[in-house]
Amino acid sequence: MPTIKHVFRHPHSHVFLQHHAPHIHAECQGQQAVYLIETGERISGNMPPNKEKLIQAWMVIHKDELFADWALAVKGEEPFRIEPLR
């Protein structure tokens, strides 16, 4: 799975692109969740509420980039890195 960015600049927070409906897999502090890119809705997994809000805010800011990376990933190409929240 291609990693596109450490969302929180923390070694255990990653975002991965996957197949099916455009979505991301987020991992932070041992918790994992899947979010739809279009809506930011969590469709599986668990995430601490404060981290989930940060992930969803990051997704809103980078929505176009996430969709562009999704398009690359489904073609088997390497996605671009996306800036973390600062």
C-alpha atoms as a PDB file:
ATOM      1  CA  MET A   1       0.000   0.000   0.000  1.00  0.00           C
ATOM      2  CA  PRO A   2       1.515   3.402  -0.879  1.00  0.00           C
ATOM      3  CA  THR A   3       2.043   5.781   2.026  1.00  0.00           C
ATOM      4  CA  ILE A   4       1.228   9.365   1.103  1.00  0.00           C
ATOM      5  CA  LYS A   5       2.062  11.212   4.311  1.00  0.00           C
ATOM      6  CA  HIS A   6       2.516  11.148   8.032  1.00  0.00           C
ATOM      7  CA  VAL A   7      -0.507  13.261   8.956  1.00  0.00           C
ATOM      8  CA  PHE A   8       0.716  14.424  12.352  1.00  0.00           C
ATOM      9  CA  ARG A   9       4.497  14.170  11.803  1.00  0.00           C
ATOM     10  CA  HIS A  10       4.395  11.206  14.165  1.00  0.00           C
ATOM     11  CA  PRO A  11       6.101   7.959  13.176  1.00  0.00           C
ATOM     12  CA  HIS A  12       2.950   5.981  13.922  1.00  0.00           C
ATOM     13  CA  SER A  13       0.510   8.095  11.918  1.00  0.00           C
ATOM     14  CA  HIS A  14       0.269   7.185   8.271  1.00  0.00           C
ATOM     15  CA  VAL A  15      -2.260   7.495   5.511  1.00  0.00           C
ATOM     16  CA  PHE A  16      -2.545   4.764   2.926  1.00  0.00           C
ATOM     17  CA  LEU A  17      -4.454   4.605  -0.331  1.00  0.00           C
ATOM     18  CA  GLN A  18      -6.494   1.508  -1.143  1.00  0.00           C
ATOM     19  CA  HIS A  19      -8.893   0.136  -3.747  1.00  0.00           C
ATOM     20  CA  HIS A  20     -12.743   0.384  -4.068  1.00  0.00           C
ATOM     21  CA  ALA A  21     -14.493   3.706  -3.376  1.00  0.00           C
ATOM     22  CA  PRO A  22     -11.909   6.485  -2.982  1.00  0.00           C
ATOM     23  CA  HIS A  23     -10.810   6.307   0.628  1.00  0.00           C
ATOM     24  CA  ILE A  24      -7.798   6.479   2.895  1.00  0.00           C
ATOM     25  CA  HIS A  25      -6.584   4.238   5.657  1.00  0.00           C
ATOM     26  CA  ALA A  26      -5.347   6.202   8.656  1.00  0.00           C
ATOM     27  CA  GLU A  27      -3.245   4.817  11.464  1.00  0.00           C
ATOM     28  CA  CYS A  28      -2.338   6.682  14.618  1.00  0.00           C
ATOM     29  CA  GLN A  29      -1.145   5.451  17.996  1.00  0.00           C
ATOM     30  CA  GLY A  30      -2.050   1.848  17.242  1.00  0.00           C
ATOM     31  CA  GLN A  31      -5.572   2.660  16.047  1.00  0.00           C
ATOM     32  CA  GLN A  32      -6.683   2.268  12.431  1.00  0.00           C
ATOM     33  CA  ALA A  33      -9.646   3.677  10.536  1.00  0.00           C
ATOM     34  CA  VAL A  34     -10.849   4.040   6.951  1.00  0.00           C
ATOM     35  CA  TYR A  35     -12.334   7.337   5.687  1.00  0.00           C
ATOM     36  CA  LEU A  36     -14.114   8.155   2.436  1.00  0.00           C
ATOM     37  CA  ILE A  37     -12.249  10.909   0.593  1.00  0.00           C
ATOM     38  CA  GLU A  38     -15.441  12.543  -0.687  1.00  0.00           C
ATOM     39  CA  THR A  39     -17.127  13.020   2.698  1.00  0.00           C
ATOM     40  CA  GLY A  40     -14.486  12.321   5.350  1.00  0.00           C
ATOM     41  CA  GLU A  41     -16.883   9.776   6.841  1.00  0.00           C
ATOM     42  CA  ARG A  42     -15.250   6.976   8.823  1.00  0.00           C
ATOM     43  CA  ILE A  43     -16.437   3.710   7.305  1.00  0.00           C
ATOM     44  CA  SER A  44     -14.513   1.289   9.484  1.00  0.00           C
ATOM     45  CA  GLY A  45     -12.120   1.110  12.385  1.00  0.00           C
ATOM     46  CA  ASN A  46     -11.590   3.355  15.361  1.00  0.00           C
ATOM     47  CA  MET A  47      -9.727   6.575  15.984  1.00  0.00           C
ATOM     48  CA  PRO A  48      -9.556   8.814  19.074  1.00  0.00           C
ATOM     49  CA  PRO A  49     -12.055  11.683  18.549  1.00  0.00           C
ATOM     50  CA  ASN A  50      -9.403  14.429  18.669  1.00  0.00           C
ATOM     51  CA  LYS A  51      -7.250  12.618  16.076  1.00  0.00           C
ATOM     52  CA  GLU A  52     -10.278  11.924  13.900  1.00  0.00           C
ATOM     53  CA  LYS A  53     -11.104  15.636  13.760  1.00  0.00           C
ATOM     54  CA  LEU A  54      -7.527  16.396  12.693  1.00  0.00           C
ATOM     55  CA  ILE A  55      -7.597  13.675  10.030  1.00  0.00           C
ATOM     56  CA  GLN A  56     -10.912  14.937   8.665  1.00  0.00           C
ATOM     57  CA  ALA A  57      -9.682  18.553   8.641  1.00  0.00           C
ATOM     58  CA  TRP A  58      -6.533  17.437   6.807  1.00  0.00           C
ATOM     59  CA  MET A  59      -8.717  15.575   4.298  1.00  0.00           C
ATOM     60  CA  VAL A  60     -10.804  18.699   3.598  1.00  0.00           C
ATOM     61  CA  ILE A  61      -7.675  20.790   3.030  1.00  0.00           C
ATOM     62  CA  HIS A  62      -6.124  18.179   0.729  1.00  0.00           C
ATOM     63  CA  LYS A  63      -9.228  16.710  -0.919  1.00  0.00           C
ATOM     64  CA  ASP A  64      -8.131  17.466  -4.492  1.00  0.00           C
ATOM     65  CA  GLU A  65      -4.667  16.052  -3.833  1.00  0.00           C
ATOM     66  CA  LEU A  66      -6.158  12.923  -2.267  1.00  0.00           C
ATOM     67  CA  PHE A  67      -8.340  12.328  -5.329  1.00  0.00           C
ATOM     68  CA  ALA A  68      -5.348  12.900  -7.610  1.00  0.00           C
ATOM     69  CA  ASP A  69      -3.278  10.431  -5.582  1.00  0.00           C
ATOM     70  CA  TRP A  70      -6.171   7.964  -5.659  1.00  0.00           C
ATOM     71  CA  ALA A  71      -6.200   8.146  -9.460  1.00  0.00           C
ATOM     72  CA  LEU A  72      -2.460   7.429  -9.536  1.00  0.00           C
ATOM     73  CA  ALA A  73      -2.687   4.575  -7.038  1.00  0.00           C
ATOM     74  CA  VAL A  74      -5.450   2.734  -8.913  1.00  0.00           C
ATOM     75  CA  LYS A  75      -3.271   2.880 -12.044  1.00  0.00           C
ATOM     76  CA  GLY A  76      -0.435   1.317 -10.064  1.00  0.00           C
ATOM     77  CA  GLU A  77       1.578   4.526 -10.032  1.00  0.00           C
ATOM     78  CA  GLU A  78       3.330   6.056  -7.057  1.00  0.00           C
ATOM     79  CA  PRO A  79       1.193   8.778  -5.408  1.00  0.00           C
ATOM     80  CA  PHE A  80       2.647  12.161  -4.463  1.00  0.00           C
ATOM     81  CA  ARG A  81       3.369  13.031  -0.858  1.00  0.00           C
ATOM     82  CA  ILE A  82       0.912  15.406   0.809  1.00  0.00           C
ATOM     83  CA  GLU A  83       1.924  17.953   3.436  1.00  0.00           C
ATOM     84  CA  PRO A  84       1.049  17.202   7.086  1.00  0.00           C
ATOM     85  CA  LEU A  85      -0.954  19.481   9.328  1.00  0.00           C
ATOM     86  CA  ARG A  86       1.242  22.131  10.895  1.00  0.00           C
END
